[in-house]
Amino acid sequence: MTDFLLELRSEEIPARMQDKAREDLARLFTAELDKAGLKAADIITYATPRRLALIAKGLPLETEAVSEETKGPKVGAPPQAMEGFLRKVGLTQDQLVERDGIYFAVVEKPGRKTADVLAEAIPAIVRAFAWPKSQRWGAASISTESLRWVRPLQGIVALLGDDVVPCEIDGIVSGSATMGHRFHHSGEVTIGNAGDYAMKLRAAHVIVDQEERRSIIRLRAAKVAGDQGFTLVEDEGLVFENAGLTEWPVPIVGGFDPAYLALPKSDPANCASEPEIFRMQKNQSSDLSNGFVCVANIEPTDGGLGIATGNEKVLEARLSDAKFFWEQDLKIPLDEQAKKLSQITFHEKLGTVADKVERVAKLARWLVEEGIVKESSPLVGEAGGGRAASAAQKTRIASDHSAADAAGPHPNPSPQGGGASLADQAERAAKLCKADLVTGMVGEFPELQGIMGGYYARAQGEADAVADAVRDHYKPVGRGDDVPAAR
């Protein structure tokens, strides 16, 4: 029994694709082993920005000899049936075995060297790999038959024990040499076998285990934030993303103008266009600080000052845009913004987005007036009303109120105050729910649709129930998202 190492080295693999790629590599490799009657004791996969790797433990050096039996036609069957069966199995009639009046083809297959099986399997796996997006490159790319990979494939390491498994894919020949960190290591790294793969690359400033990189980011980001007197705002999505962007993660602290803290807060999950940074809070407080943690892919010689400054410039530009759009959008009432929806086609047979909004508003009022949703029915989370709002929801609601208070009263507050009926409020929320689609903020940051509508509604004097409904009407967005918690 011995271990097998396969590394497929390429240009940078997008972080969001790496975990699925590891699963696909293990699945395709297992399927190729099954065809040959082989089974590994264990399969481990790794992914970094520049490599996808698999280690199969406990492989035999040869497959076992097998006997394959195929049932054929009955004795005395028409000649055409017999001829077709003989072509299928590649035998002559005198080589068939007769049993109980039926012909059988019995083929004895000798064992094969595992290295030969793997040499055939590797090109098959690479060519069958289904990336969400892939590309062709180089001179060969003029043909649609050329190799496709997520990014240009640059090298293959294939080692069974200490020996190279020879194979070739579009001119890329397997070997035992790979590359270390793009900046911290020059020259090739020669791998001896699967057992020293991770160790050799660690010496070349590459941590191949994605779980280890994620752990480093969690612990060190929390530490550097704590060293500055802050608490890190935990975000597993950012942990995974940064681990997928770095082979040698180094968390670094930066900061921005505290004046931007007056902007509305938003869930980091809704801010795809921001840099891949972690937020920080003041210790013993839920208030955001004007500091952040970014993750570098090198050990900076200046202590991270240059990298922090670069991230600060990017963040400054985004926050400056957000501040401008927030201030400009507040000058236009949502009622006025909603009128622009008549210029956007929803569907050629269903009219504009304004038409859609009108239908939703009528249905919202009808649900109340028909008694389907009652004025006195308990809120979701109250007795008999379903699950309670999560702590995250309650925190977000409180922050919404704070942002609205900071914005000050709107000069033309809505007539739909807190004393309006449920039917009036439901209709009002429906009429405003899509208005933020034409605001400058959502035009620049589309992922904030609904969220910004809630902020603008509250800042412009709408009732809290109306603003909450506008904010939450897209929810739930995917599995695990909060469900709206009010009538």
Protein backbone atom coordinates (compact mmCIF):
# COMPACT_ATOMS: atom_id res chain seq x y z
CA MET A 1 0.00 0.00 0.00
CA THR A 2 1.21 3.48 -0.82
CA ASP A 3 -0.03 7.08 -1.07
CA PHE A 4 -0.68 9.07 -4.23
CA LEU A 5 -0.32 12.85 -4.66
CA LEU A 6 -1.89 14.87 -7.45
CA GLU A 7 -1.39 18.64 -7.68
CA LEU A 8 -2.91 20.72 -10.48
CA ARG A 9 -1.19 24.11 -10.44
CA SER A 10 -2.68 27.06 -12.30
CA GLU A 11 -3.09 30.80 -12.24
CA GLU A 12 -5.34 32.18 -9.50
CA ILE A 13 -8.51 30.14 -8.83
CA PRO A 14 -11.43 32.34 -7.65
CA ALA A 15 -12.01 31.89 -3.92
CA ARG A 16 -15.71 31.10 -4.36
CA MET A 17 -14.90 28.10 -6.57
CA GLN A 18 -12.31 26.36 -4.44
CA ASP A 19 -14.41 24.28 -2.04
CA LYS A 20 -16.61 22.91 -4.84
CA ALA A 21 -13.48 22.15 -6.87
CA ARG A 22 -12.09 20.05 -4.02
CA GLU A 23 -15.34 18.09 -3.83
CA ASP A 24 -15.38 17.57 -7.61
CA LEU A 25 -11.75 16.44 -7.66
CA ALA A 26 -12.41 13.82 -4.97
CA ARG A 27 -15.58 12.64 -6.73
CA LEU A 28 -13.99 12.32 -10.18
CA PHE A 29 -10.90 10.61 -8.78
CA THR A 30 -12.99 8.09 -6.82
CA ALA A 31 -15.05 7.33 -9.93
CA GLU A 32 -11.89 6.60 -11.96
CA LEU A 33 -10.60 4.30 -9.21
CA ASP A 34 -13.93 2.47 -9.08
CA LYS A 35 -13.73 1.71 -12.81
CA ALA A 36 -10.43 -0.06 -12.22
CA GLY A 37 -11.55 -1.84 -9.06
CA LEU A 38 -9.33 0.29 -6.80
CA LYS A 39 -10.24 1.92 -3.51
CA ALA A 40 -8.26 4.37 -1.38
CA ALA A 41 -8.24 4.14 2.41
CA ASP A 42 -8.76 7.90 2.60
CA ILE A 43 -8.85 10.91 0.26
CA ILE A 44 -7.75 14.40 1.34
CA THR A 45 -8.10 17.49 -0.84
CA TYR A 46 -6.53 20.94 -0.61
CA ALA A 47 -7.06 24.22 -2.46
CA THR A 48 -5.09 27.46 -2.51
CA PRO A 49 -5.37 30.31 -5.00
CA ARG A 50 -2.76 28.65 -7.23
CA ARG A 51 -3.27 24.93 -6.78
CA LEU A 52 -5.80 22.14 -6.38
CA ALA A 53 -4.38 19.02 -4.72
CA LEU A 54 -5.47 15.51 -3.74
CA ILE A 55 -3.80 12.87 -1.60
CA ALA A 56 -5.15 9.30 -1.81
CA LYS A 57 -3.93 7.16 1.05
CA GLY A 58 -3.44 3.40 1.09
CA LEU A 59 -3.59 2.50 -2.59
CA PRO A 60 -2.45 -1.00 -3.66
CA LEU A 61 0.33 -1.12 -6.23
CA GLU A 62 -1.72 -3.35 -8.54
CA THR A 63 -5.36 -4.04 -9.22
CA GLU A 64 -6.70 -7.55 -8.66
CA ALA A 65 -7.34 -9.90 -11.56
CA VAL A 66 -11.07 -10.05 -12.32
CA SER A 67 -13.34 -12.29 -14.32
CA GLU A 68 -16.13 -10.54 -16.22
CA GLU A 69 -19.13 -12.58 -17.36
CA THR A 70 -21.65 -11.31 -19.91
CA LYS A 71 -24.91 -13.13 -20.59
CA GLY A 72 -25.63 -13.80 -24.27
CA PRO A 73 -28.39 -15.31 -26.42
CA LYS A 74 -29.95 -18.73 -25.96
CA VAL A 75 -28.58 -21.74 -27.78
CA GLY A 76 -30.29 -21.88 -31.17
CA ALA A 77 -30.99 -18.13 -31.27
CA PRO A 78 -31.13 -16.47 -34.74
CA PRO A 79 -27.70 -15.96 -36.36
CA GLN A 80 -28.16 -12.18 -36.31
CA ALA A 81 -28.47 -12.19 -32.49
CA MET A 82 -25.36 -14.34 -32.11
CA GLU A 83 -23.33 -12.20 -34.52
CA GLY A 84 -24.31 -9.03 -32.65
CA PHE A 85 -23.33 -10.53 -29.29
CA LEU A 86 -19.96 -11.75 -30.61
CA ARG A 87 -19.17 -8.27 -31.97
CA LYS A 88 -20.07 -6.75 -28.60
CA VAL A 89 -17.79 -9.01 -26.53
CA GLY A 90 -15.03 -9.40 -29.15
CA LEU A 91 -14.99 -13.21 -29.03
CA THR A 92 -15.72 -16.08 -31.39
CA GLN A 93 -18.53 -18.58 -30.77
CA ASP A 94 -16.15 -21.37 -29.76
CA GLN A 95 -14.83 -19.13 -26.97
CA LEU A 96 -18.28 -18.81 -25.37
CA VAL A 97 -19.36 -20.88 -22.39
CA GLU A 98 -22.71 -22.72 -22.60
CA ARG A 99 -24.67 -23.04 -19.37
CA ASP A 100 -28.31 -24.14 -19.01
CA GLY A 101 -28.96 -23.54 -22.70
CA ILE A 102 -27.55 -19.96 -22.64
CA TYR A 103 -24.26 -18.66 -24.00
CA PHE A 104 -22.00 -16.62 -21.70
CA ALA A 105 -18.88 -14.63 -22.57
CA VAL A 106 -16.27 -14.99 -19.82
CA VAL A 107 -13.29 -12.64 -20.03
CA GLU A 108 -10.38 -12.96 -17.63
CA LYS A 109 -8.78 -9.56 -16.98
CA PRO A 110 -5.34 -9.64 -15.37
CA GLY A 111 -4.38 -7.15 -12.71
CA ARG A 112 -2.92 -3.79 -13.79
CA LYS A 113 -0.30 -1.62 -12.23
CA THR A 114 -1.91 1.20 -10.27
CA ALA A 115 0.51 3.65 -11.86
CA ASP A 116 -0.88 2.73 -15.30
CA VAL A 117 -4.44 3.22 -14.07
CA LEU A 118 -3.55 6.65 -12.66
CA ALA A 119 -1.70 7.68 -15.82
CA GLU A 120 -4.96 7.20 -17.73
CA ALA A 121 -7.18 8.66 -15.00
CA ILE A 122 -5.41 12.03 -14.56
CA PRO A 123 -6.04 13.37 -18.09
CA ALA A 124 -9.62 12.06 -17.95
CA ILE A 125 -10.25 13.88 -14.65
CA VAL A 126 -8.79 17.16 -15.89
CA ARG A 127 -10.78 17.10 -19.12
CA ALA A 128 -14.01 16.14 -17.35
CA PHE A 129 -13.73 18.88 -14.70
CA ALA A 130 -16.81 21.10 -14.73
CA TRP A 131 -15.79 24.56 -13.50
CA PRO A 132 -18.58 27.16 -13.22
CA LYS A 133 -16.46 29.27 -15.59
CA SER A 134 -13.44 28.08 -17.52
CA GLN A 135 -11.17 29.30 -20.30
CA ARG A 136 -8.84 28.24 -23.10
CA TRP A 137 -5.46 29.86 -23.60
CA GLY A 138 -2.38 30.00 -25.76
CA ALA A 139 -1.98 28.98 -29.39
CA ALA A 140 -4.09 25.85 -28.89
CA SER A 141 -7.10 27.96 -27.90
CA ILE A 142 -8.01 28.58 -31.55
CA SER A 143 -9.55 25.10 -31.41
CA THR A 144 -12.66 24.42 -29.35
CA GLU A 145 -11.17 20.97 -28.63
CA SER A 146 -8.29 22.47 -26.64
CA LEU A 147 -8.03 22.06 -22.87
CA ARG A 148 -10.31 24.18 -20.73
CA TRP A 149 -9.51 25.01 -17.10
CA VAL A 150 -10.60 27.66 -14.62
CA ARG A 151 -7.38 29.58 -15.33
CA PRO A 152 -4.38 28.54 -17.44
CA LEU A 153 -3.04 25.22 -16.15
CA GLN A 154 0.71 25.48 -15.53
CA GLY A 155 1.90 22.26 -13.91
CA ILE A 156 1.03 18.77 -12.73
CA VAL A 157 2.60 16.87 -9.85
CA ALA A 158 1.71 13.17 -9.86
CA LEU A 159 3.54 10.91 -7.41
CA LEU A 160 2.69 7.34 -6.44
CA GLY A 161 4.94 6.72 -3.48
CA ASP A 162 8.28 8.24 -4.51
CA ASP A 163 7.76 7.69 -8.24
CA VAL A 164 6.35 10.06 -10.83
CA VAL A 165 3.22 8.85 -12.59
CA PRO A 166 3.94 9.82 -16.22
CA CYS A 167 1.11 11.57 -18.08
CA GLU A 168 0.67 14.54 -20.41
CA ILE A 169 -2.20 16.96 -21.00
CA ASP A 170 -1.97 19.45 -23.87
CA GLY A 171 1.80 19.61 -23.60
CA ILE A 172 1.86 19.82 -19.79
CA VAL A 173 3.93 16.85 -18.55
CA SER A 174 3.62 15.51 -15.01
CA GLY A 175 6.58 15.60 -12.68
CA SER A 176 7.62 16.05 -9.06
CA ALA A 177 8.31 19.81 -9.07
CA THR A 178 5.92 22.60 -8.12
CA MET A 179 6.25 26.28 -7.27
CA GLY A 180 6.24 27.95 -3.87
CA HIS A 181 4.86 31.36 -2.88
CA ARG A 182 4.73 33.83 -5.76
CA PHE A 183 6.77 36.47 -3.86
CA HIS A 184 8.47 34.72 -0.95
CA HIS A 185 10.05 31.83 -2.85
CA SER A 186 11.90 31.68 -6.15
CA GLY A 187 12.56 28.54 -8.12
CA GLU A 188 10.97 25.11 -8.06
CA VAL A 189 10.05 23.01 -5.03
CA THR A 190 10.74 19.31 -5.52
CA ILE A 191 8.24 17.05 -3.77
CA GLY A 192 9.45 13.65 -2.62
CA ASN A 193 6.09 12.02 -1.98
CA ALA A 194 2.62 12.71 -0.62
CA GLY A 195 3.94 12.64 2.93
CA ASP A 196 6.24 15.65 2.56
CA TYR A 197 4.01 17.72 0.24
CA ALA A 198 2.55 20.07 2.86
CA MET A 199 5.87 20.38 4.72
CA LYS A 200 7.90 21.22 1.61
CA LEU A 201 5.41 23.89 0.54
CA ARG A 202 5.22 25.37 4.02
CA ALA A 203 8.98 25.90 3.82
CA ALA A 204 8.26 27.77 0.58
CA HIS A 205 5.67 30.02 2.30
CA VAL A 206 2.58 28.14 1.10
CA ILE A 207 0.02 26.74 3.56
CA VAL A 208 -1.87 24.19 1.46
CA ASP A 209 -4.51 23.29 4.05
CA GLN A 210 -7.42 25.70 3.65
CA GLU A 211 -8.69 24.95 7.16
CA GLU A 212 -5.36 25.97 8.63
CA ARG A 213 -5.37 29.24 6.67
CA ARG A 214 -8.92 29.96 7.89
CA SER A 215 -7.87 29.31 11.48
CA ILE A 216 -4.86 31.62 11.13
CA ILE A 217 -7.09 34.39 9.79
CA ARG A 218 -9.65 34.01 12.58
CA LEU A 219 -7.09 34.00 15.40
CA ARG A 220 -4.64 36.60 14.11
CA ALA A 221 -7.31 39.01 12.90
CA ALA A 222 -8.89 38.91 16.35
CA LYS A 223 -5.48 39.43 17.94
CA VAL A 224 -4.42 42.43 15.85
CA ALA A 225 -7.82 44.01 16.45
CA GLY A 226 -7.47 43.38 20.19
CA ASP A 227 -3.98 44.87 20.19
CA GLN A 228 -5.59 48.13 18.97
CA GLY A 229 -8.24 47.99 21.70
CA PHE A 230 -11.03 46.76 19.43
CA THR A 231 -13.15 43.63 19.00
CA LEU A 232 -13.38 41.96 15.60
CA VAL A 233 -16.83 41.67 14.04
CA GLU A 234 -16.89 37.97 13.21
CA ASP A 235 -17.73 37.12 9.60
CA GLU A 236 -17.19 33.54 8.38
CA GLY A 237 -17.89 34.54 4.79
CA LEU A 238 -14.89 36.87 4.87
CA VAL A 239 -12.76 34.22 6.57
CA PHE A 240 -13.44 31.79 3.72
CA GLU A 241 -12.95 34.44 1.05
CA ASN A 242 -9.65 35.69 2.40
CA ALA A 243 -8.37 32.14 2.91
CA GLY A 244 -9.17 31.56 -0.76
CA LEU A 245 -7.21 34.66 -1.79
CA THR A 246 -4.01 33.96 0.14
CA GLU A 247 -1.42 31.19 0.45
CA TRP A 248 0.36 32.87 3.37
CA PRO A 249 -2.30 34.97 5.20
CA VAL A 250 -1.13 37.95 7.27
CA PRO A 251 -3.90 40.09 8.92
CA ILE A 252 -3.15 43.85 9.05
CA VAL A 253 -5.03 46.71 10.74
CA GLY A 254 -6.08 49.87 8.92
CA GLY A 255 -8.45 52.75 9.54
CA PHE A 256 -10.70 55.36 7.90
CA ASP A 257 -12.22 58.76 8.63
CA PRO A 258 -14.59 58.41 11.63
CA ALA A 259 -16.99 60.82 9.91
CA TYR A 260 -18.14 57.91 7.76
CA LEU A 261 -19.52 56.14 10.82
CA ALA A 262 -22.57 58.42 10.49
CA LEU A 263 -23.58 56.47 7.38
CA PRO A 264 -26.24 53.74 7.79
CA LYS A 265 -24.94 50.38 8.89
CA SER A 266 -25.38 47.36 6.65
CA ASP A 267 -24.80 43.64 6.99
CA PRO A 268 -21.35 42.75 5.57
CA ALA A 269 -23.09 39.95 3.64
CA ASN A 270 -24.85 42.67 1.63
CA CYS A 271 -21.69 44.57 0.74
CA ALA A 272 -20.12 42.51 -2.04
CA SER A 273 -18.52 45.57 -3.60
CA GLU A 274 -16.49 46.48 -0.51
CA PRO A 275 -12.86 45.30 -0.13
CA GLU A 276 -12.40 41.93 1.58
CA ILE A 277 -12.02 43.52 5.03
CA PHE A 278 -13.18 42.71 8.54
CA ARG A 279 -14.93 45.34 10.63
CA MET A 280 -14.06 46.17 14.22
CA GLN A 281 -16.12 47.33 17.19
CA LYS A 282 -15.18 49.36 20.20
CA ASN A 283 -14.58 47.05 23.12
CA GLN A 284 -17.63 46.45 25.34
CA SER A 285 -19.82 48.11 22.69
CA SER A 286 -21.81 47.23 19.59
CA ASP A 287 -20.74 50.50 17.94
CA LEU A 288 -18.55 50.11 14.88
CA SER A 289 -15.08 51.61 15.04
CA ASN A 290 -13.29 53.41 12.24
CA GLY A 291 -10.79 50.56 12.01
CA PHE A 292 -10.69 47.41 9.91
CA VAL A 293 -8.58 44.31 9.37
CA CYS A 294 -7.41 43.29 5.90
CA VAL A 295 -5.50 40.11 5.01
CA ALA A 296 -2.25 40.32 3.04
CA ASN A 297 -0.65 37.45 1.11
CA ILE A 298 2.91 38.40 2.12
CA GLU A 299 4.99 39.19 5.19
CA PRO A 300 5.41 42.95 4.63
CA THR A 301 8.79 44.45 5.45
CA ASP A 302 7.20 47.72 6.64
CA GLY A 303 4.91 46.09 9.17
CA GLY A 304 1.96 46.32 6.79
CA LEU A 305 1.85 50.11 6.50
CA GLY A 306 1.85 50.16 2.68
CA ILE A 307 -0.84 47.48 2.39
CA ALA A 308 -3.02 49.17 5.00
CA THR A 309 -2.66 52.49 3.20
CA GLY A 310 -3.67 50.94 -0.11
CA ASN A 311 -6.78 49.38 1.43
CA GLU A 312 -7.60 52.68 3.13
CA LYS A 313 -7.57 54.44 -0.25
CA VAL A 314 -9.94 51.88 -1.75
CA LEU A 315 -12.25 52.04 1.26
CA GLU A 316 -12.16 55.85 1.29
CA ALA A 317 -13.35 55.91 -2.32
CA ARG A 318 -16.23 53.52 -1.61
CA LEU A 319 -17.31 55.31 1.56
CA SER A 320 -17.07 58.68 -0.15
CA ASP A 321 -19.37 57.40 -2.91
CA ALA A 322 -21.79 56.01 -0.34
CA LYS A 323 -21.84 59.31 1.58
CA PHE A 324 -22.53 61.27 -1.60
CA PHE A 325 -25.36 58.98 -2.74
CA TRP A 326 -26.90 58.89 0.76
CA GLU A 327 -26.99 62.66 0.99
CA GLN A 328 -28.29 63.15 -2.55
CA ASP A 329 -30.95 60.44 -2.30
CA LEU A 330 -32.34 61.92 0.91
CA LYS A 331 -33.19 65.11 -1.01
CA ILE A 332 -35.78 63.26 -3.13
CA PRO A 333 -38.84 61.75 -1.39
CA LEU A 334 -39.45 58.08 -2.12
CA ASP A 335 -42.84 59.04 -3.58
CA GLU A 336 -40.99 60.99 -6.25
CA GLN A 337 -38.46 58.21 -6.80
CA ALA A 338 -41.31 55.72 -7.24
CA LYS A 339 -42.65 57.67 -10.22
CA LYS A 340 -39.51 56.78 -12.16
CA LEU A 341 -40.49 53.08 -11.98
CA SER A 342 -42.94 53.74 -14.82
CA GLN A 343 -39.90 54.02 -17.09
CA ILE A 344 -38.64 50.50 -16.28
CA THR A 345 -40.19 47.47 -18.01
CA PHE A 346 -40.98 44.63 -15.64
CA HIS A 347 -42.18 42.23 -18.37
CA GLU A 348 -43.35 42.93 -21.89
CA LYS A 349 -46.75 41.35 -21.15
CA LEU A 350 -47.06 42.64 -17.58
CA GLY A 351 -46.10 46.27 -17.96
CA THR A 352 -43.64 48.37 -15.96
CA VAL A 353 -42.26 48.01 -12.46
CA ALA A 354 -44.73 50.76 -11.46
CA ASP A 355 -47.56 48.52 -12.69
CA LYS A 356 -46.20 45.66 -10.63
CA VAL A 357 -46.00 47.91 -7.54
CA GLU A 358 -49.62 48.95 -8.01
CA ARG A 359 -50.71 45.31 -8.15
CA VAL A 360 -48.74 44.48 -5.01
CA ALA A 361 -50.23 47.48 -3.18
CA LYS A 362 -53.79 46.43 -4.05
CA LEU A 363 -53.09 42.86 -2.93
CA ALA A 364 -51.53 44.07 0.33
CA ARG A 365 -54.63 46.12 1.19
CA TRP A 366 -56.93 43.27 0.09
CA LEU A 367 -55.16 40.80 2.43
CA VAL A 368 -56.06 43.04 5.40
CA GLU A 369 -59.56 44.08 4.28
CA GLU A 370 -60.53 40.45 3.63
CA GLY A 371 -59.39 39.49 7.13
CA ILE A 372 -56.62 37.18 5.90
CA VAL A 373 -54.16 39.32 7.88
CA LYS A 374 -55.93 40.84 10.85
CA GLU A 375 -55.25 44.17 12.54
CA SER A 376 -55.19 42.43 15.90
CA SER A 377 -53.29 39.29 14.86
CA PRO A 378 -50.12 38.72 16.91
CA LEU A 379 -46.79 39.71 15.44
CA VAL A 380 -44.50 36.91 14.36
CA GLY A 381 -42.66 35.99 17.52
CA GLU A 382 -45.54 36.91 19.85
CA ALA A 383 -47.74 34.25 21.39
CA GLY A 384 -49.00 31.94 18.65
CA GLY A 385 -47.37 34.03 15.95
CA GLY A 386 -44.37 31.92 14.96
CA ARG A 387 -40.68 32.39 15.59
CA ALA A 388 -39.29 35.48 17.27
CA ALA A 389 -37.09 37.99 15.57
CA SER A 390 -33.45 37.05 15.88
CA ALA A 391 -30.99 39.07 17.90
CA ALA A 392 -29.41 40.17 14.61
CA GLN A 393 -32.77 41.48 13.40
CA LYS A 394 -33.34 43.41 16.61
CA THR A 395 -29.84 44.90 16.43
CA ARG A 396 -30.34 45.90 12.81
CA ILE A 397 -33.72 47.50 13.60
CA ALA A 398 -32.11 49.54 16.37
CA SER A 399 -29.32 50.65 14.05
CA ASP A 400 -31.90 51.62 11.41
CA HIS A 401 -33.58 53.91 13.94
CA SER A 402 -30.23 55.45 14.89
CA ALA A 403 -29.36 56.16 11.25
CA ALA A 404 -32.75 57.75 10.65
CA ASP A 405 -32.39 59.89 13.74
CA ALA A 406 -28.94 61.02 12.59
CA ALA A 407 -30.34 61.98 9.19
CA GLY A 408 -32.83 64.32 10.86
CA PRO A 409 -36.49 64.85 10.02
CA HIS A 410 -37.49 65.05 6.40
CA PRO A 411 -39.08 68.35 5.35
CA ASN A 412 -42.12 66.54 3.93
CA PRO A 413 -42.94 63.75 6.36
CA SER A 414 -45.35 61.08 5.16
CA PRO A 415 -48.97 61.20 6.32
CA GLN A 416 -48.72 57.48 7.09
CA GLY A 417 -47.75 57.85 10.71
CA GLY A 418 -47.85 55.25 13.43
CA GLY A 419 -51.60 55.75 13.89
CA ALA A 420 -52.50 54.59 10.35
CA SER A 421 -54.40 51.35 9.95
CA LEU A 422 -52.64 48.12 9.05
CA ALA A 423 -54.27 48.21 5.60
CA ASP A 424 -52.99 51.76 5.01
CA GLN A 425 -49.50 50.86 6.20
CA ALA A 426 -49.36 47.67 4.13
CA GLU A 427 -50.46 49.53 1.02
CA ARG A 428 -48.00 52.35 1.73
CA ALA A 429 -45.09 49.94 2.21
CA ALA A 430 -45.95 48.19 -1.06
CA LYS A 431 -46.05 51.48 -2.97
CA LEU A 432 -42.60 52.41 -1.67
CA CYS A 433 -40.93 49.00 -1.67
CA LYS A 434 -39.28 49.28 -5.10
CA ALA A 435 -38.57 53.02 -5.04
CA ASP A 436 -34.96 52.59 -3.96
CA LEU A 437 -34.18 50.76 -7.23
CA VAL A 438 -33.87 54.16 -8.93
CA THR A 439 -31.77 55.80 -6.20
CA GLY A 440 -28.12 56.62 -6.71
CA MET A 441 -27.06 54.36 -3.83
CA VAL A 442 -28.70 51.20 -5.17
CA GLY A 443 -27.54 52.08 -8.67
CA GLU A 444 -23.97 51.98 -7.34
CA PHE A 445 -24.48 49.17 -4.81
CA PRO A 446 -27.28 46.93 -6.22
CA GLU A 447 -26.91 44.42 -3.38
CA LEU A 448 -28.38 47.05 -1.00
CA GLN A 449 -31.83 47.05 -2.64
CA GLY A 450 -34.55 47.03 0.00
CA ILE A 451 -32.06 47.79 2.75
CA MET A 452 -31.56 51.35 1.54
CA GLY A 453 -35.30 51.70 0.90
CA GLY A 454 -35.87 51.00 4.58
CA TYR A 455 -33.33 53.64 5.60
CA TYR A 456 -34.74 56.27 3.25
CA ALA A 457 -38.32 55.54 4.31
CA ARG A 458 -37.49 55.98 8.00
CA ALA A 459 -35.36 59.07 7.39
CA GLN A 460 -38.19 60.64 5.39
CA GLY A 461 -40.77 60.24 8.13
CA GLU A 462 -42.46 56.92 7.30
CA ALA A 463 -43.80 54.81 10.15
CA ASP A 464 -41.38 52.22 11.53
CA ALA A 465 -43.67 49.39 10.37
CA VAL A 466 -43.61 50.76 6.80
CA ALA A 467 -39.82 51.23 6.79
CA ASP A 468 -39.30 47.73 8.21
CA ALA A 469 -41.56 46.22 5.55
CA VAL A 470 -39.70 48.02 2.76
CA ARG A 471 -36.38 46.83 4.17
CA ASP A 472 -37.47 43.22 4.65
CA HIS A 473 -39.71 42.57 1.65
CA TYR A 474 -36.98 40.75 -0.32
CA LYS A 475 -36.37 38.35 2.54
CA PRO A 476 -35.50 35.56 2.92
CA VAL A 477 -32.64 35.78 0.45
CA GLY A 478 -31.37 32.20 0.36
CA ARG A 479 -31.09 29.56 3.02
CA GLY A 480 -30.28 30.72 6.53
CA ASP A 481 -31.49 34.27 5.97
CA ASP A 482 -33.85 35.90 8.47
CA VAL A 483 -37.59 35.74 7.77
CA PRO A 484 -39.56 39.00 8.10
CA ALA A 485 -40.90 39.20 11.64
CA ALA A 486 -43.81 41.65 11.48
CA ARG A 487 -47.34 41.81 10.02
